[in-house]
PDB file of N, CA and C in Angstrom:
ATOM      1  N   UNK A   1     -19.806 -19.178 -47.943  1.00  0.00           N
ATOM      2  CA  UNK A   1     -19.462 -18.100 -46.989  1.00  0.00           C
ATOM      3  C   UNK A   1     -17.923 -18.243 -46.836  1.00  0.00           C
ATOM      4  N   UNK A   2     -17.398 -17.037 -46.935  1.00  0.00           N
ATOM      5  CA  UNK A   2     -15.902 -17.017 -46.916  1.00  0.00           C
ATOM      6  C   UNK A   2     -15.408 -17.247 -45.452  1.00  0.00           C
ATOM      7  N   UNK A   3     -14.056 -17.325 -45.374  1.00  0.00           N
ATOM      8  CA  UNK A   3     -13.419 -17.596 -43.956  1.00  0.00           C
ATOM      9  C   UNK A   3     -13.599 -16.114 -43.259  1.00  0.00           C
ATOM     10  N   UNK A   4     -13.579 -14.950 -43.884  1.00  0.00           N
ATOM     11  CA  UNK A   4     -13.543 -13.786 -43.065  1.00  0.00           C
ATOM     12  C   UNK A   4     -15.028 -13.623 -42.453  1.00  0.00           C
ATOM     13  N   UNK A   5     -16.025 -13.874 -43.295  1.00  0.00           N
ATOM     14  CA  UNK A   5     -17.507 -13.910 -42.762  1.00  0.00           C
ATOM     15  C   UNK A   5     -17.782 -14.833 -41.498  1.00  0.00           C
ATOM     16  N   UNK A   6     -17.177 -15.989 -41.664  1.00  0.00           N
ATOM     17  CA  UNK A   6     -17.147 -17.121 -40.566  1.00  0.00           C
ATOM     18  C   UNK A   6     -16.598 -16.310 -39.370  1.00  0.00           C
ATOM     19  N   UNK A   7     -15.228 -15.981 -39.378  1.00  0.00           N
ATOM     20  CA  UNK A   7     -14.672 -15.256 -38.286  1.00  0.00           C
ATOM     21  C   UNK A   7     -15.391 -14.167 -37.673  1.00  0.00           C
ATOM     22  N   UNK A   8     -16.009 -13.466 -38.561  1.00  0.00           N
ATOM     23  CA  UNK A   8     -16.752 -12.219 -38.060  1.00  0.00           C
ATOM     24  C   UNK A   8     -17.977 -12.752 -37.213  1.00  0.00           C
ATOM     25  N   UNK A   9     -18.651 -13.692 -37.668  1.00  0.00           N
ATOM     26  CA  UNK A   9     -19.831 -14.237 -37.047  1.00  0.00           C
ATOM     27  C   UNK A   9     -19.502 -15.028 -35.729  1.00  0.00           C
ATOM     28  N   UNK A  10     -18.411 -15.710 -35.632  1.00  0.00           N
ATOM     29  CA  UNK A  10     -17.778 -16.319 -34.422  1.00  0.00           C
ATOM     30  C   UNK A  10     -17.556 -15.252 -33.519  1.00  0.00           C
ATOM     31  N   UNK A  11     -16.921 -14.185 -33.950  1.00  0.00           N
ATOM     32  CA  UNK A  11     -16.484 -13.094 -33.048  1.00  0.00           C
ATOM     33  C   UNK A  11     -17.856 -12.416 -32.476  1.00  0.00           C
ATOM     34  N   UNK A  12     -18.732 -12.104 -33.349  1.00  0.00           N
ATOM     35  CA  UNK A  12     -20.011 -11.519 -32.920  1.00  0.00           C
ATOM     36  C   UNK A  12     -20.857 -12.379 -31.930  1.00  0.00           C
ATOM     37  N   UNK A  13     -20.827 -13.683 -32.120  1.00  0.00           N
ATOM     38  CA  UNK A  13     -21.544 -14.468 -31.162  1.00  0.00           C
ATOM     39  C   UNK A  13     -20.818 -14.525 -29.964  1.00  0.00           C
ATOM     40  N   UNK A  14     -19.522 -14.696 -29.904  1.00  0.00           N
ATOM     41  CA  UNK A  14     -18.752 -14.640 -28.598  1.00  0.00           C
ATOM     42  C   UNK A  14     -18.798 -13.375 -27.901  1.00  0.00           C
ATOM     43  N   UNK A  15     -18.934 -12.257 -28.649  1.00  0.00           N
ATOM     44  CA  UNK A  15     -18.896 -10.919 -28.039  1.00  0.00           C
ATOM     45  C   UNK A  15     -20.345 -10.801 -27.282  1.00  0.00           C
ATOM     46  N   UNK A  16     -21.406 -11.208 -27.971  1.00  0.00           N
ATOM     47  CA  UNK A  16     -22.864 -11.255 -27.459  1.00  0.00           C
ATOM     48  C   UNK A  16     -22.848 -12.076 -26.281  1.00  0.00           C
ATOM     49  N   UNK A  17     -22.339 -13.193 -26.278  1.00  0.00           N
ATOM     50  CA  UNK A  17     -22.498 -14.120 -25.340  1.00  0.00           C
ATOM     51  C   UNK A  17     -21.705 -13.550 -24.061  1.00  0.00           C
ATOM     52  N   UNK A  18     -20.464 -12.959 -24.152  1.00  0.00           N
ATOM     53  CA  UNK A  18     -19.837 -12.209 -23.092  1.00  0.00           C
ATOM     54  C   UNK A  18     -20.739 -11.208 -22.497  1.00  0.00           C
ATOM     55  N   UNK A  19     -21.278 -10.450 -23.527  1.00  0.00           N
ATOM     56  CA  UNK A  19     -22.252  -9.327 -22.786  1.00  0.00           C
ATOM     57  C   UNK A  19     -23.483  -9.977 -22.014  1.00  0.00           C
ATOM     58  N   UNK A  20     -24.059 -11.043 -22.511  1.00  0.00           N
ATOM     59  CA  UNK A  20     -25.102 -11.831 -21.707  1.00  0.00           C
ATOM     60  C   UNK A  20     -24.632 -12.195 -20.411  1.00  0.00           C
ATOM     61  N   UNK A  21     -23.360 -12.901 -20.547  1.00  0.00           N
ATOM     62  CA  UNK A  21     -22.873 -13.441 -19.261  1.00  0.00           C
ATOM     63  C   UNK A  21     -22.531 -12.317 -18.150  1.00  0.00           C
ATOM     64  N   UNK A  22     -21.893 -11.279 -18.566  1.00  0.00           N
ATOM     65  CA  UNK A  22     -21.641 -10.188 -17.706  1.00  0.00           C
ATOM     66  C   UNK A  22     -22.908  -9.404 -17.104  1.00  0.00           C
ATOM     67  N   UNK A  23     -23.821  -9.405 -17.905  1.00  0.00           N
ATOM     68  CA  UNK A  23     -25.183  -8.691 -17.364  1.00  0.00           C
ATOM     69  C   UNK A  23     -25.716  -9.772 -16.449  1.00  0.00           C
ATOM     70  N   UNK A  24     -25.858 -10.959 -16.524  1.00  0.00           N
ATOM     71  CA  UNK A  24     -26.351 -11.932 -15.610  1.00  0.00           C
ATOM     72  C   UNK A  24     -25.593 -11.956 -14.360  1.00  0.00           C
ATOM     73  N   UNK A  25     -24.130 -11.804 -14.454  1.00  0.00           N
ATOM     74  CA  UNK A  25     -23.435 -11.678 -13.275  1.00  0.00           C
ATOM     75  C   UNK A  25     -23.664 -10.551 -12.434  1.00  0.00           C
ATOM     76  N   UNK A  26     -23.965  -9.360 -13.143  1.00  0.00           N
ATOM     77  CA  UNK A  26     -24.238  -8.135 -12.437  1.00  0.00           C
ATOM     78  C   UNK A  26     -25.707  -8.017 -12.091  1.00  0.00           C
ATOM     79  N   UNK A  27     -26.542  -8.990 -12.120  1.00  0.00           N
ATOM     80  CA  UNK A  27     -27.973  -8.826 -11.825  1.00  0.00           C
ATOM     81  C   UNK A  27     -28.124  -8.441 -10.418  1.00  0.00           C
ATOM     82  N   UNK A  28     -29.062  -7.601 -10.185  1.00  0.00           N
ATOM     83  CA  UNK A  28     -29.224  -6.991  -8.971  1.00  0.00           C
ATOM     84  C   UNK A  28     -28.666  -5.677  -8.582  1.00  0.00           C
ATOM     85  N   UNK A  29     -27.666  -5.283  -9.484  1.00  0.00           N
ATOM     86  CA  UNK A  29     -26.842  -4.159  -9.166  1.00  0.00           C
ATOM     87  C   UNK A  29     -27.381  -3.048 -10.216  1.00  0.00           C
ATOM     88  N   UNK A  30     -27.040  -1.858 -10.079  1.00  0.00           N
ATOM     89  CA  UNK A  30     -27.329  -0.656 -11.014  1.00  0.00           C
ATOM     90  C   UNK A  30     -26.258  -0.747 -11.990  1.00  0.00           C
ATOM     91  N   UNK A  31     -25.988  -1.663 -12.719  1.00  0.00           N
ATOM     92  CA  UNK A  31     -24.988  -1.732 -13.744  1.00  0.00           C
ATOM     93  C   UNK A  31     -25.004  -0.730 -14.735  1.00  0.00           C
ATOM     94  N   UNK A  32     -26.188  -0.467 -15.287  1.00  0.00           N
ATOM     95  CA  UNK A  32     -26.200   0.532 -16.485  1.00  0.00           C
ATOM     96  C   UNK A  32     -26.100   1.938 -15.982  1.00  0.00           C
ATOM     97  N   UNK A  33     -26.615   2.104 -14.870  1.00  0.00           N
ATOM     98  CA  UNK A  33     -26.648   3.412 -14.194  1.00  0.00           C
ATOM     99  C   UNK A  33     -25.010   3.785 -13.744  1.00  0.00           C
ATOM    100  N   UNK A  34     -24.471   2.735 -13.197  1.00  0.00           N
ATOM    101  CA  UNK A  34     -23.097   2.979 -12.676  1.00  0.00           C
ATOM    102  C   UNK A  34     -22.217   3.213 -14.120  1.00  0.00           C
ATOM    103  N   UNK A  35     -22.690   2.475 -15.221  1.00  0.00           N
ATOM    104  CA  UNK A  35     -21.638   2.646 -16.392  1.00  0.00           C
ATOM    105  C   UNK A  35     -21.936   3.738 -17.003  1.00  0.00           C
ATOM    106  N   UNK A  36     -23.109   4.422 -17.289  1.00  0.00           N
ATOM    107  CA  UNK A  36     -23.196   5.739 -17.983  1.00  0.00           C
ATOM    108  C   UNK A  36     -22.963   6.772 -17.085  1.00  0.00           C
ATOM    109  N   UNK A  37     -23.025   6.728 -15.741  1.00  0.00           N
ATOM    110  CA  UNK A  37     -22.516   7.904 -15.042  1.00  0.00           C
ATOM    111  C   UNK A  37     -21.196   7.745 -14.536  1.00  0.00           C
ATOM    112  N   UNK A  38     -20.409   6.742 -14.775  1.00  0.00           N
ATOM    113  CA  UNK A  38     -19.154   6.425 -14.419  1.00  0.00           C
ATOM    114  C   UNK A  38     -19.064   6.352 -12.912  1.00  0.00           C
ATOM    115  N   UNK A  39     -20.046   5.753 -12.385  1.00  0.00           N
ATOM    116  CA  UNK A  39     -20.226   5.633 -10.783  1.00  0.00           C
ATOM    117  C   UNK A  39     -20.067   6.892 -10.155  1.00  0.00           C
ATOM    118  N   UNK A  40     -20.368   7.967 -10.565  1.00  0.00           N
ATOM    119  CA  UNK A  40     -20.316   9.291 -10.061  1.00  0.00           C
ATOM    120  C   UNK A  40     -19.090   9.785  -9.792  1.00  0.00           C
ATOM    121  N   UNK A  41     -17.880   9.339 -10.501  1.00  0.00           N
ATOM    122  CA  UNK A  41     -16.544   9.595 -10.259  1.00  0.00           C
ATOM    123  C   UNK A  41     -15.791  10.548 -11.221  1.00  0.00           C
ATOM    124  N   UNK A  42     -16.546  11.231 -11.949  1.00  0.00           N
ATOM    125  CA  UNK A  42     -15.907  12.126 -12.901  1.00  0.00           C
ATOM    126  C   UNK A  42     -16.154  13.646 -12.398  1.00  0.00           C
ATOM    127  N   UNK A  43     -15.179  14.311 -12.460  1.00  0.00           N
ATOM    128  CA  UNK A  43     -15.046  15.799 -11.889  1.00  0.00           C
ATOM    129  C   UNK A  43     -15.676  16.557 -13.044  1.00  0.00           C
ATOM    130  N   UNK A  44     -15.670  17.957 -12.824  1.00  0.00           N
ATOM    131  CA  UNK A  44     -16.102  18.850 -13.710  1.00  0.00           C
ATOM    132  C   UNK A  44     -15.446  19.008 -15.026  1.00  0.00           C
ATOM    133  N   UNK A  45     -14.001  18.964 -14.907  1.00  0.00           N
ATOM    134  CA  UNK A  45     -13.099  19.167 -16.033  1.00  0.00           C
ATOM    135  C   UNK A  45     -13.208  18.000 -17.019  1.00  0.00           C
ATOM    136  N   UNK A  46     -13.391  16.874 -16.479  1.00  0.00           N
ATOM    137  CA  UNK A  46     -13.416  15.742 -17.371  1.00  0.00           C
ATOM    138  C   UNK A  46     -14.766  15.616 -18.063  1.00  0.00           C
ATOM    139  N   UNK A  47     -15.822  15.987 -17.379  1.00  0.00           N
ATOM    140  CA  UNK A  47     -17.121  15.983 -18.001  1.00  0.00           C
ATOM    141  C   UNK A  47     -17.120  17.129 -19.084  1.00  0.00           C
ATOM    142  N   UNK A  48     -16.559  18.166 -18.913  1.00  0.00           N
ATOM    143  CA  UNK A  48     -16.362  19.357 -19.807  1.00  0.00           C
ATOM    144  C   UNK A  48     -15.668  18.893 -21.014  1.00  0.00           C
ATOM    145  N   UNK A  49     -14.756  18.102 -20.795  1.00  0.00           N
ATOM    146  CA  UNK A  49     -13.767  17.570 -22.069  1.00  0.00           C
ATOM    147  C   UNK A  49     -14.625  16.629 -22.834  1.00  0.00           C
ATOM    148  N   UNK A  50     -15.389  15.724 -22.078  1.00  0.00           N
ATOM    149  CA  UNK A  50     -16.213  14.620 -22.807  1.00  0.00           C
ATOM    150  C   UNK A  50     -17.205  15.308 -23.574  1.00  0.00           C
ATOM    151  N   UNK A  51     -17.966  16.367 -23.143  1.00  0.00           N
ATOM    152  CA  UNK A  51     -18.992  17.077 -23.897  1.00  0.00           C
ATOM    153  C   UNK A  51     -18.406  17.820 -24.996  1.00  0.00           C
ATOM    154  N   UNK A  52     -17.206  18.444 -24.855  1.00  0.00           N
ATOM    155  CA  UNK A  52     -16.560  19.141 -26.023  1.00  0.00           C
ATOM    156  C   UNK A  52     -16.115  18.304 -27.012  1.00  0.00           C
ATOM    157  N   UNK A  53     -15.652  17.135 -26.800  1.00  0.00           N
ATOM    158  CA  UNK A  53     -15.225  16.236 -27.737  1.00  0.00           C
ATOM    159  C   UNK A  53     -16.352  15.570 -28.526  1.00  0.00           C
ATOM    160  N   UNK A  54     -17.378  15.325 -27.753  1.00  0.00           N
ATOM    161  CA  UNK A  54     -18.583  14.959 -28.482  1.00  0.00           C
ATOM    162  C   UNK A  54     -19.057  15.816 -29.367  1.00  0.00           C
ATOM    163  N   UNK A  55     -19.042  17.076 -29.142  1.00  0.00           N
ATOM    164  CA  UNK A  55     -19.579  18.178 -30.108  1.00  0.00           C
ATOM    165  C   UNK A  55     -18.660  18.257 -31.213  1.00  0.00           C
ATOM    166  N   UNK A  56     -17.347  18.279 -30.879  1.00  0.00           N
ATOM    167  CA  UNK A  56     -16.510  18.504 -32.059  1.00  0.00           C
ATOM    168  C   UNK A  56     -16.565  17.267 -33.147  1.00  0.00           C
ATOM    169  N   UNK A  57     -16.640  16.019 -32.517  1.00  0.00           N
ATOM    170  CA  UNK A  57     -16.777  15.008 -33.229  1.00  0.00           C
ATOM    171  C   UNK A  57     -18.107  14.949 -34.149  1.00  0.00           C
ATOM    172  N   UNK A  58     -19.216  15.126 -33.608  1.00  0.00           N
ATOM    173  CA  UNK A  58     -20.340  15.238 -34.157  1.00  0.00           C
ATOM    174  C   UNK A  58     -20.521  16.437 -35.353  1.00  0.00           C
ATOM    175  N   UNK A  59     -19.937  17.501 -34.991  1.00  0.00           N
ATOM    176  CA  UNK A  59     -19.860  18.623 -36.010  1.00  0.00           C
ATOM    177  C   UNK A  59     -19.123  18.404 -37.158  1.00  0.00           C
ATOM    178  N   UNK A  60     -17.974  17.645 -37.006  1.00  0.00           N
ATOM    179  CA  UNK A  60     -17.035  17.356 -38.052  1.00  0.00           C
ATOM    180  C   UNK A  60     -17.787  16.220 -38.914  1.00  0.00           C
ATOM    181  N   UNK A  61     -18.462  15.218 -38.282  1.00  0.00           N
ATOM    182  CA  UNK A  61     -19.092  14.230 -39.250  1.00  0.00           C
ATOM    183  C   UNK A  61     -20.220  14.897 -40.058  1.00  0.00           C
ATOM    184  N   UNK A  62     -20.918  15.810 -39.326  1.00  0.00           N
ATOM    185  CA  UNK A  62     -22.095  16.560 -40.075  1.00  0.00           C
ATOM    186  C   UNK A  62     -21.607  17.594 -40.971  1.00  0.00           C
ATOM    187  N   UNK A  63     -20.566  18.528 -40.620  1.00  0.00           N
ATOM    188  CA  UNK A  63     -20.375  19.486 -41.526  1.00  0.00           C
ATOM    189  C   UNK A  63     -19.223  19.204 -42.368  1.00  0.00           C
ATOM    190  N   UNK A  64     -18.496  18.267 -42.151  1.00  0.00           N
ATOM    191  CA  UNK A  64     -17.336  17.869 -43.234  1.00  0.00           C
ATOM    192  C   UNK A  64     -17.824  17.607 -44.530  1.00  0.00           C
ATOM    193  N   UNK A  65     -18.764  16.523 -44.640  1.00  0.00           N
ATOM    194  CA  UNK A  65     -19.199  16.091 -45.996  1.00  0.00           C
ATOM    195  C   UNK A  65     -19.991  17.231 -46.656  1.00  0.00           C
ATOM    196  N   UNK A  66     -20.664  18.023 -46.020  1.00  0.00           N
ATOM    197  CA  UNK A  66     -21.393  19.235 -46.628  1.00  0.00           C
ATOM    198  C   UNK A  66     -20.320  20.271 -47.077  1.00  0.00           C
ATOM    199  N   UNK A  67     -19.192  20.393 -46.272  1.00  0.00           N
ATOM    200  CA  UNK A  67     -18.305  21.424 -46.731  1.00  0.00           C
ATOM    201  C   UNK A  67     -17.709  20.971 -48.051  1.00  0.00           C
ATOM    202  N   UNK A  68     -17.370  19.675 -48.096  1.00  0.00           N
ATOM    203  CA  UNK A  68     -16.787  19.140 -49.363  1.00  0.00           C
ATOM    204  C   UNK A  68     -17.740  19.388 -50.495  1.00  0.00           C
ATOM    205  N   UNK A  69     -19.061  19.035 -50.380  1.00  0.00           N
ATOM    206  CA  UNK A  69     -19.999  19.122 -51.382  1.00  0.00           C
ATOM    207  C   UNK A  69     -20.131  20.550 -51.784  1.00  0.00           C
ATOM    208  N   UNK A  70     -20.081  21.597 -50.841  1.00  0.00           N
ATOM    209  CA  UNK A  70     -20.396  22.971 -51.169  1.00  0.00           C
ATOM    210  C   UNK A  70     -19.151  23.426 -51.848  1.00  0.00           C
ATOM    211  N   UNK A  71     -17.975  23.276 -51.297  1.00  0.00           N
ATOM    212  CA  UNK A  71     -16.757  24.114 -51.720  1.00  0.00           C
ATOM    213  C   UNK A  71     -15.697  23.220 -52.502  1.00  0.00           C
ATOM    214  N   UNK A  72     -15.934  21.781 -52.488  1.00  0.00           N
ATOM    215  CA  UNK A  72     -15.029  21.068 -53.164  1.00  0.00           C
ATOM    216  C   UNK A  72     -13.839  20.582 -52.415  1.00  0.00           C
ATOM    217  N   UNK A  73     -13.277  19.528 -52.806  1.00  0.00           N
ATOM    218  CA  UNK A  73     -12.308  18.895 -52.043  1.00  0.00           C
ATOM    219  C   UNK A  73     -10.942  19.817 -52.000  1.00  0.00           C
ATOM    220  N   UNK A  74     -10.682  20.531 -52.942  1.00  0.00           N
ATOM    221  CA  UNK A  74      -9.468  21.447 -53.013  1.00  0.00           C
ATOM    222  C   UNK A  74      -9.527  22.495 -51.929  1.00  0.00           C
ATOM    223  N   UNK A  75     -10.796  22.955 -51.546  1.00  0.00           N
ATOM    224  CA  UNK A  75     -10.834  23.951 -50.429  1.00  0.00           C
ATOM    225  C   UNK A  75     -10.541  23.344 -48.955  1.00  0.00           C
ATOM    226  N   UNK A  76     -10.916  22.032 -48.826  1.00  0.00           N
ATOM    227  CA  UNK A  76     -10.718  21.210 -47.674  1.00  0.00           C
ATOM    228  C   UNK A  76      -9.220  21.004 -47.564  1.00  0.00           C
ATOM    229  N   UNK A  77      -8.583  20.629 -48.681  1.00  0.00           N
ATOM    230  CA  UNK A  77      -7.304  20.301 -48.562  1.00  0.00           C
ATOM    231  C   UNK A  77      -6.462  21.603 -48.338  1.00  0.00           C
ATOM    232  N   UNK A  78      -6.797  22.583 -48.974  1.00  0.00           N
ATOM    233  CA  UNK A  78      -6.212  23.936 -48.538  1.00  0.00           C
ATOM    234  C   UNK A  78      -6.184  24.358 -47.235  1.00  0.00           C
ATOM    235  N   UNK A  79      -7.376  24.111 -46.497  1.00  0.00           N
ATOM    236  CA  UNK A  79      -7.612  24.421 -45.269  1.00  0.00           C
ATOM    237  C   UNK A  79      -6.798  23.511 -44.315  1.00  0.00           C
ATOM    238  N   UNK A  80      -6.499  22.233 -44.718  1.00  0.00           N
ATOM    239  CA  UNK A  80      -5.670  21.482 -43.968  1.00  0.00           C
ATOM    240  C   UNK A  80      -4.180  21.785 -43.956  1.00  0.00           C
ATOM    241  N   UNK A  81      -3.808  22.535 -45.082  1.00  0.00           N
ATOM    242  CA  UNK A  81      -2.418  22.876 -45.033  1.00  0.00           C
ATOM    243  C   UNK A  81      -2.016  23.956 -43.922  1.00  0.00           C
ATOM    244  N   UNK A  82      -3.013  24.748 -43.338  1.00  0.00           N
ATOM    245  CA  UNK A  82      -2.841  25.422 -42.268  1.00  0.00           C
ATOM    246  C   UNK A  82      -2.550  24.882 -40.931  1.00  0.00           C
ATOM    247  N   UNK A  83      -3.081  23.677 -40.860  1.00  0.00           N
ATOM    248  CA  UNK A  83      -3.032  22.754 -39.700  1.00  0.00           C
ATOM    249  C   UNK A  83      -1.560  22.170 -39.546  1.00  0.00           C
ATOM    250  N   UNK A  84      -0.954  21.918 -40.927  1.00  0.00           N
ATOM    251  CA  UNK A  84       0.126  21.061 -41.026  1.00  0.00           C
ATOM    252  C   UNK A  84       1.308  21.419 -40.174  1.00  0.00           C
ATOM    253  N   UNK A  85       1.796  22.771 -40.058  1.00  0.00           N
ATOM    254  CA  UNK A  85       2.757  23.090 -39.113  1.00  0.00           C
ATOM    255  C   UNK A  85       2.640  22.857 -37.580  1.00  0.00           C
ATOM    256  N   UNK A  86       1.342  22.955 -37.167  1.00  0.00           N
ATOM    257  CA  UNK A  86       1.049  22.773 -35.905  1.00  0.00           C
ATOM    258  C   UNK A  86       0.947  21.301 -35.368  1.00  0.00           C
ATOM    259  N   UNK A  87       0.875  20.337 -36.424  1.00  0.00           N
ATOM    260  CA  UNK A  87       0.821  18.761 -36.151  1.00  0.00           C
ATOM    261  C   UNK A  87       2.192  18.181 -36.042  1.00  0.00           C
ATOM    262  N   UNK A  88       3.219  18.940 -36.399  1.00  0.00           N
ATOM    263  CA  UNK A  88       4.557  18.394 -36.479  1.00  0.00           C
ATOM    264  C   UNK A  88       5.227  18.297 -35.185  1.00  0.00           C
TER     265      UNK A  88
END
């Protein structure tokens, strides 16, 4: 086992132990419900932005590789050139 794998597994064990400890500390509360609903503290604008960013992320992961497969990598690179002036 290399040093990198060893450090990864140590990190993974510590990460899981921290999660178990945090869960036991929050026992008796609605921890997961408060976590996923952000303790009912998000307004409409924030929720709309979260949903929009999730949609854009999913569509880029799904449609990106299929567009490269169908049109080729040069088509995608050509399309990225139109974005370049707006990114500066």
